[in-house]
C-alpha atoms as a PDB file:
ATOM      1  CA  MET A   1       0.000   0.000   0.000  1.00  0.00           C
ATOM      2  CA  ILE A   2       2.804   2.414   0.895  1.00  0.00           C
ATOM      3  CA  SER A   3       4.565   1.559  -2.357  1.00  0.00           C
ATOM      4  CA  ARG A   4       1.411   2.380  -4.369  1.00  0.00           C
ATOM      5  CA  ILE A   5       0.983   5.689  -2.536  1.00  0.00           C
ATOM      6  CA  LEU A   6       4.616   6.600  -3.171  1.00  0.00           C
ATOM      7  CA  LEU A   7       4.280   5.817  -6.870  1.00  0.00           C
ATOM      8  CA  VAL A   8       1.179   7.971  -7.076  1.00  0.00           C
ATOM      9  CA  CYS A   9       3.157  10.735  -5.349  1.00  0.00           C
ATOM     10  CA  ILE A  10       6.085  10.316  -7.756  1.00  0.00           C
ATOM     11  CA  VAL A  11       3.828  10.597 -10.774  1.00  0.00           C
ATOM     12  CA  SER A  12       1.717  13.389  -9.279  1.00  0.00           C
ATOM     13  CA  ILE A  13       4.690  15.483  -8.258  1.00  0.00           C
ATOM     14  CA  SER A  14       6.619  14.861 -11.449  1.00  0.00           C
ATOM     15  CA  LEU A  15       3.600  15.738 -13.555  1.00  0.00           C
ATOM     16  CA  SER A  16       2.749  18.820 -11.553  1.00  0.00           C
ATOM     17  CA  LEU A  17       6.339  20.015 -11.567  1.00  0.00           C
ATOM     18  CA  GLY A  18       6.671  19.529 -15.302  1.00  0.00           C
ATOM     19  CA  ASP A  19       9.014  16.538 -15.464  1.00  0.00           C
ATOM     20  CA  ARG A  20       7.108  14.994 -18.341  1.00  0.00           C
ATOM     21  CA  LEU A  21       8.411  16.523 -21.482  1.00  0.00           C
ATOM     22  CA  SER A  22       7.062  16.704 -24.956  1.00  0.00           C
ATOM     23  CA  TYR A  23       9.040  16.958 -28.113  1.00  0.00           C
ATOM     24  CA  GLY A  24       7.448  20.202 -29.224  1.00  0.00           C
ATOM     25  CA  ALA A  25       7.186  22.171 -32.412  1.00  0.00           C
ATOM     26  CA  GLN A  26       9.696  24.734 -31.117  1.00  0.00           C
ATOM     27  CA  THR A  27      12.467  22.194 -31.597  1.00  0.00           C
ATOM     28  CA  GLN A  28      13.741  21.398 -35.061  1.00  0.00           C
ATOM     29  CA  LEU A  29      12.717  17.918 -36.098  1.00  0.00           C
ATOM     30  CA  SER A  30      15.068  15.665 -37.963  1.00  0.00           C
ATOM     31  CA  GLU A  31      13.257  16.025 -41.287  1.00  0.00           C
ATOM     32  CA  LYS A  32      15.081  14.652 -44.266  1.00  0.00           C
ATOM     33  CA  THR A  33      15.580  17.449 -46.750  1.00  0.00           C
ATOM     34  CA  THR A  34      17.122  15.400 -49.517  1.00  0.00           C
ATOM     35  CA  PRO A  35      15.960  12.015 -50.667  1.00  0.00           C
ATOM     36  CA  GLU A  36      18.209   9.135 -49.728  1.00  0.00           C
ATOM     37  CA  GLN A  37      19.600   6.955 -52.465  1.00  0.00           C
ATOM     38  CA  GLY A  38      16.982   4.472 -53.550  1.00  0.00           C
ATOM     39  CA  SER A  39      14.084   6.374 -52.005  1.00  0.00           C
ATOM     40  CA  SER A  40      11.066   7.353 -53.994  1.00  0.00           C
ATOM     41  CA  ILE A  41       8.751  10.314 -54.163  1.00  0.00           C
ATOM     42  CA  GLY A  42       6.286   8.186 -52.171  1.00  0.00           C
ATOM     43  CA  ALA A  43       8.713   7.983 -49.247  1.00  0.00           C
ATOM     44  CA  ASN A  44       9.021  11.763 -49.149  1.00  0.00           C
ATOM     45  CA  ASP A  45       5.237  12.120 -49.317  1.00  0.00           C
ATOM     46  CA  SER A  46       4.909   9.640 -46.472  1.00  0.00           C
ATOM     47  CA  ARG A  47       7.384  11.621 -44.336  1.00  0.00           C
ATOM     48  CA  ALA A  48       5.496  14.859 -45.057  1.00  0.00           C
ATOM     49  CA  LEU A  49       2.191  13.242 -44.094  1.00  0.00           C
ATOM     50  CA  ALA A  50       3.780  11.844 -40.930  1.00  0.00           C
ATOM     51  CA  MET A  51       4.932  15.348 -40.023  1.00  0.00           C
ATOM     52  CA  ARG A  52       1.415  16.725 -40.553  1.00  0.00           C
ATOM     53  CA  TYR A  53      -0.037  14.070 -38.248  1.00  0.00           C
ATOM     54  CA  PHE A  54       2.719  14.778 -35.720  1.00  0.00           C
ATOM     55  CA  HIS A  55       1.924  18.502 -35.673  1.00  0.00           C
ATOM     56  CA  LEU A  56      -1.806  17.791 -35.361  1.00  0.00           C
ATOM     57  CA  GLY A  57      -0.929  15.646 -32.350  1.00  0.00           C
ATOM     58  CA  LEU A  58       1.067  18.508 -30.848  1.00  0.00           C
ATOM     59  CA  ASP A  59      -1.859  20.906 -31.257  1.00  0.00           C
ATOM     60  CA  LEU A  60      -4.265  18.453 -29.632  1.00  0.00           C
ATOM     61  CA  GLN A  61      -1.799  17.734 -26.838  1.00  0.00           C
ATOM     62  CA  LYS A  62      -1.485  21.458 -26.064  1.00  0.00           C
ATOM     63  CA  SER A  63      -5.264  21.507 -25.620  1.00  0.00           C
ATOM     64  CA  GLY A  64      -5.092  18.564 -23.227  1.00  0.00           C
ATOM     65  CA  LYS A  65      -6.822  16.239 -25.713  1.00  0.00           C
ATOM     66  CA  TRP A  66      -4.558  13.278 -25.030  1.00  0.00           C
ATOM     67  CA  GLY A  67      -6.758  10.633 -26.648  1.00  0.00           C
ATOM     68  CA  ALA A  68      -6.995  12.529 -29.919  1.00  0.00           C
ATOM     69  CA  ALA A  69      -3.275  13.347 -29.801  1.00  0.00           C
ATOM     70  CA  THR A  70      -2.537   9.644 -29.332  1.00  0.00           C
ATOM     71  CA  LEU A  71      -4.420   8.845 -32.517  1.00  0.00           C
ATOM     72  CA  GLU A  72      -2.447  11.440 -34.498  1.00  0.00           C
ATOM     73  CA  TYR A  73       0.872  10.147 -33.158  1.00  0.00           C
ATOM     74  CA  PHE A  74      -0.133   6.599 -34.141  1.00  0.00           C
ATOM     75  CA  ARG A  75      -0.963   7.917 -37.608  1.00  0.00           C
ATOM     76  CA  ALA A  76       2.413   9.659 -37.835  1.00  0.00           C
ATOM     77  CA  ILE A  77       4.203   6.437 -36.937  1.00  0.00           C
ATOM     78  CA  GLY A  78       2.058   4.557 -39.434  1.00  0.00           C
ATOM     79  CA  GLU A  79       3.355   6.843 -42.169  1.00  0.00           C
ATOM     80  CA  ASP A  80       6.964   6.959 -40.963  1.00  0.00           C
ATOM     81  CA  GLU A  81       7.952   4.440 -38.313  1.00  0.00           C
ATOM     82  CA  THR A  82      11.360   6.118 -37.960  1.00  0.00           C
ATOM     83  CA  LEU A  83      10.009   9.422 -36.622  1.00  0.00           C
ATOM     84  CA  ALA A  84      11.545   9.304 -33.138  1.00  0.00           C
ATOM     85  CA  GLU A  85       9.716  12.419 -31.986  1.00  0.00           C
ATOM     86  CA  ALA A  86       6.328  10.836 -32.742  1.00  0.00           C
ATOM     87  CA  HIS A  87       7.254   7.763 -30.690  1.00  0.00           C
ATOM     88  CA  ALA A  88       8.398  10.021 -27.832  1.00  0.00           C
ATOM     89  CA  ASN A  89       5.164  11.986 -27.822  1.00  0.00           C
ATOM     90  CA  LEU A  90       3.034   8.874 -28.274  1.00  0.00           C
ATOM     91  CA  GLY A  91       4.675   7.455 -25.163  1.00  0.00           C
ATOM     92  CA  LEU A  92       3.914  10.679 -23.324  1.00  0.00           C
ATOM     93  CA  ALA A  93       0.295  10.667 -24.478  1.00  0.00           C
ATOM     94  CA  LEU A  94      -0.238   7.057 -23.422  1.00  0.00           C
ATOM     95  CA  ALA A  95       1.328   7.729 -20.017  1.00  0.00           C
ATOM     96  CA  GLN A  96      -0.864  10.797 -19.545  1.00  0.00           C
ATOM     97  CA  GLN A  97      -3.850   8.504 -20.061  1.00  0.00           C
ATOM     98  CA  GLY A  98      -2.638   6.179 -17.284  1.00  0.00           C
ATOM     99  CA  GLU A  99      -1.030   3.533 -19.480  1.00  0.00           C
ATOM    100  CA  PRO A 100       2.696   3.547 -18.636  1.00  0.00           C
ATOM    101  CA  GLU A 101       3.101  -0.088 -19.690  1.00  0.00           C
ATOM    102  CA  LYS A 102       1.944   0.832 -23.213  1.00  0.00           C
ATOM    103  CA  ALA A 103       4.061   4.003 -23.180  1.00  0.00           C
ATOM    104  CA  ILE A 104       7.368   2.307 -22.360  1.00  0.00           C
ATOM    105  CA  PRO A 105       7.902   0.576 -25.741  1.00  0.00           C
ATOM    106  CA  HIS A 106       7.409   3.907 -27.514  1.00  0.00           C
ATOM    107  CA  HIS A 107       9.905   5.675 -25.259  1.00  0.00           C
ATOM    108  CA  LEU A 108      12.356   2.864 -25.954  1.00  0.00           C
ATOM    109  CA  ARG A 109      11.777   3.067 -29.716  1.00  0.00           C
ATOM    110  CA  ALA A 110      12.298   6.848 -29.645  1.00  0.00           C
ATOM    111  CA  ILE A 111      15.594   6.330 -27.813  1.00  0.00           C
ATOM    112  CA  GLU A 112      16.617   3.602 -30.253  1.00  0.00           C
ATOM    113  CA  LEU A 113      15.968   5.955 -33.181  1.00  0.00           C
ATOM    114  CA  ASN A 114      17.507   9.014 -31.511  1.00  0.00           C
ATOM    115  CA  PRO A 115      19.436   8.382 -28.269  1.00  0.00           C
ATOM    116  CA  ALA A 116      19.888  12.137 -27.788  1.00  0.00           C
ATOM    117  CA  LEU A 117      16.209  12.831 -26.973  1.00  0.00           C
ATOM    118  CA  PRO A 118      16.399  13.707 -23.273  1.00  0.00           C
ATOM    119  CA  GLN A 119      12.619  13.976 -22.904  1.00  0.00           C
ATOM    120  CA  ALA A 120      12.284  10.329 -23.987  1.00  0.00           C
ATOM    121  CA  HIS A 121      14.768   9.323 -21.265  1.00  0.00           C
ATOM    122  CA  ILE A 122      12.979  11.399 -18.595  1.00  0.00           C
ATOM    123  CA  ASN A 123       9.522  10.140 -19.530  1.00  0.00           C
ATOM    124  CA  LEU A 124      10.800   6.570 -19.653  1.00  0.00           C
ATOM    125  CA  ALA A 125      12.357   6.987 -16.191  1.00  0.00           C
ATOM    126  CA  ILE A 126       9.046   8.259 -14.798  1.00  0.00           C
ATOM    127  CA  ASP A 127       7.088   5.392 -16.325  1.00  0.00           C
ATOM    128  CA  LEU A 128       9.613   2.791 -15.193  1.00  0.00           C
ATOM    129  CA  ALA A 129       9.442   4.185 -11.650  1.00  0.00           C
ATOM    130  CA  HIS A 130       5.666   4.115 -11.861  1.00  0.00           C
ATOM    131  CA  ILE A 131       5.720   0.367 -12.483  1.00  0.00           C
ATOM    132  CA  GLY A 132       8.445  -0.283  -9.899  1.00  0.00           C
ATOM    133  CA  GLN A 133      11.500  -0.712 -12.147  1.00  0.00           C
ATOM    134  CA  TYR A 134      13.638   1.709 -10.162  1.00  0.00           C
ATOM    135  CA  SER A 135      17.057   0.497 -11.294  1.00  0.00           C
ATOM    136  CA  ASP A 136      16.118   0.935 -14.952  1.00  0.00           C
ATOM    137  CA  ALA A 137      14.597   4.316 -14.115  1.00  0.00           C
ATOM    138  CA  TRP A 138      17.926   5.450 -12.658  1.00  0.00           C
ATOM    139  CA  SER A 139      19.806   4.494 -15.819  1.00  0.00           C
ATOM    140  CA  HIS A 140      17.551   6.753 -17.898  1.00  0.00           C
ATOM    141  CA  VAL A 141      17.819   9.573 -15.373  1.00  0.00           C
ATOM    142  CA  HIS A 142      21.589   9.296 -15.773  1.00  0.00           C
ATOM    143  CA  GLU A 143      21.257   9.326 -19.579  1.00  0.00           C
ATOM    144  CA  ALA A 144      19.202  12.532 -19.444  1.00  0.00           C
ATOM    145  CA  GLN A 145      21.746  14.112 -17.122  1.00  0.00           C
ATOM    146  CA  ALA A 146      24.575  13.068 -19.463  1.00  0.00           C
ATOM    147  CA  LEU A 147      22.698  14.937 -22.195  1.00  0.00           C
ATOM    148  CA  GLN A 148      22.889  18.037 -19.947  1.00  0.00           C
ATOM    149  CA  HIS A 149      19.162  17.903 -19.272  1.00  0.00           C
ATOM    150  CA  PRO A 150      17.920  18.968 -15.833  1.00  0.00           C
ATOM    151  CA  VAL A 151      15.906  16.451 -13.847  1.00  0.00           C
ATOM    152  CA  ASN A 152      13.371  17.563 -11.287  1.00  0.00           C
ATOM    153  CA  PRO A 153      15.065  17.306  -7.853  1.00  0.00           C
ATOM    154  CA  GLU A 154      11.812  16.202  -6.218  1.00  0.00           C
ATOM    155  CA  PHE A 155      11.538  13.289  -8.648  1.00  0.00           C
ATOM    156  CA  LEU A 156      15.161  12.389  -7.860  1.00  0.00           C
ATOM    157  CA  ARG A 157      14.437  12.430  -4.102  1.00  0.00           C
ATOM    158  CA  LEU A 158      11.339  10.285  -4.514  1.00  0.00           C
ATOM    159  CA  LEU A 159      13.170   7.832  -6.760  1.00  0.00           C
ATOM    160  CA  ALA A 160      16.067   7.688  -4.276  1.00  0.00           C
ATOM    161  CA  SER A 161      13.603   6.914  -1.475  1.00  0.00           C
ATOM    162  CA  ARG A 162      12.656   3.734  -3.343  1.00  0.00           C
ATOM    163  CA  LEU A 163      16.155   2.824  -4.521  1.00  0.00           C
ATOM    164  CA  PRO A 164      19.254   4.870  -3.750  1.00  0.00           C
ATOM    165  CA  ASP A 165      21.114   6.209  -6.770  1.00  0.00           C
ATOM    166  CA  PRO A 166      23.442   3.356  -7.748  1.00  0.00           C
ATOM    167  CA  ARG A 167      26.159   5.834  -8.730  1.00  0.00           C
ATOM    168  CA  LYS A 168      26.297   7.249  -5.169  1.00  0.00           C
ATOM    169  CA  LYS A 169      27.611   4.398  -3.072  1.00  0.00           C
END
């Protein structure tokens, strides 16, 4: 019971203090500007459509319409499975709807596609902590910190209360 309360506190505090991060429109996406060898016009059209769905998802997310944003992120990934930012935001949207187990594979895919997305590491750490995988959560906190990304100190304290930081022995 105490463990469940603590996890609710971790998620509540981290959400209220803004730990969950979105890959927003203000950041330049990794759009391909020149076709790769062997690609076709269709591939470029698919990428452009994926970007439109992604930006629709961002607009819906800003309005707090997480379910609708989720659908747009799924559509973006359907058009271009390699769009790391769409996976990152899909993970965020699923987590915001109380489904961290479904969010985790999307955070992981975003990191696989672009290991330098600190928001994917932070959101993954929060979701891993939420389901009790504290050691794995710490490794993604450390990855975000290595990328020079600040991590909410309250989240760090709450995570440390469940499992001390393995780097501080």
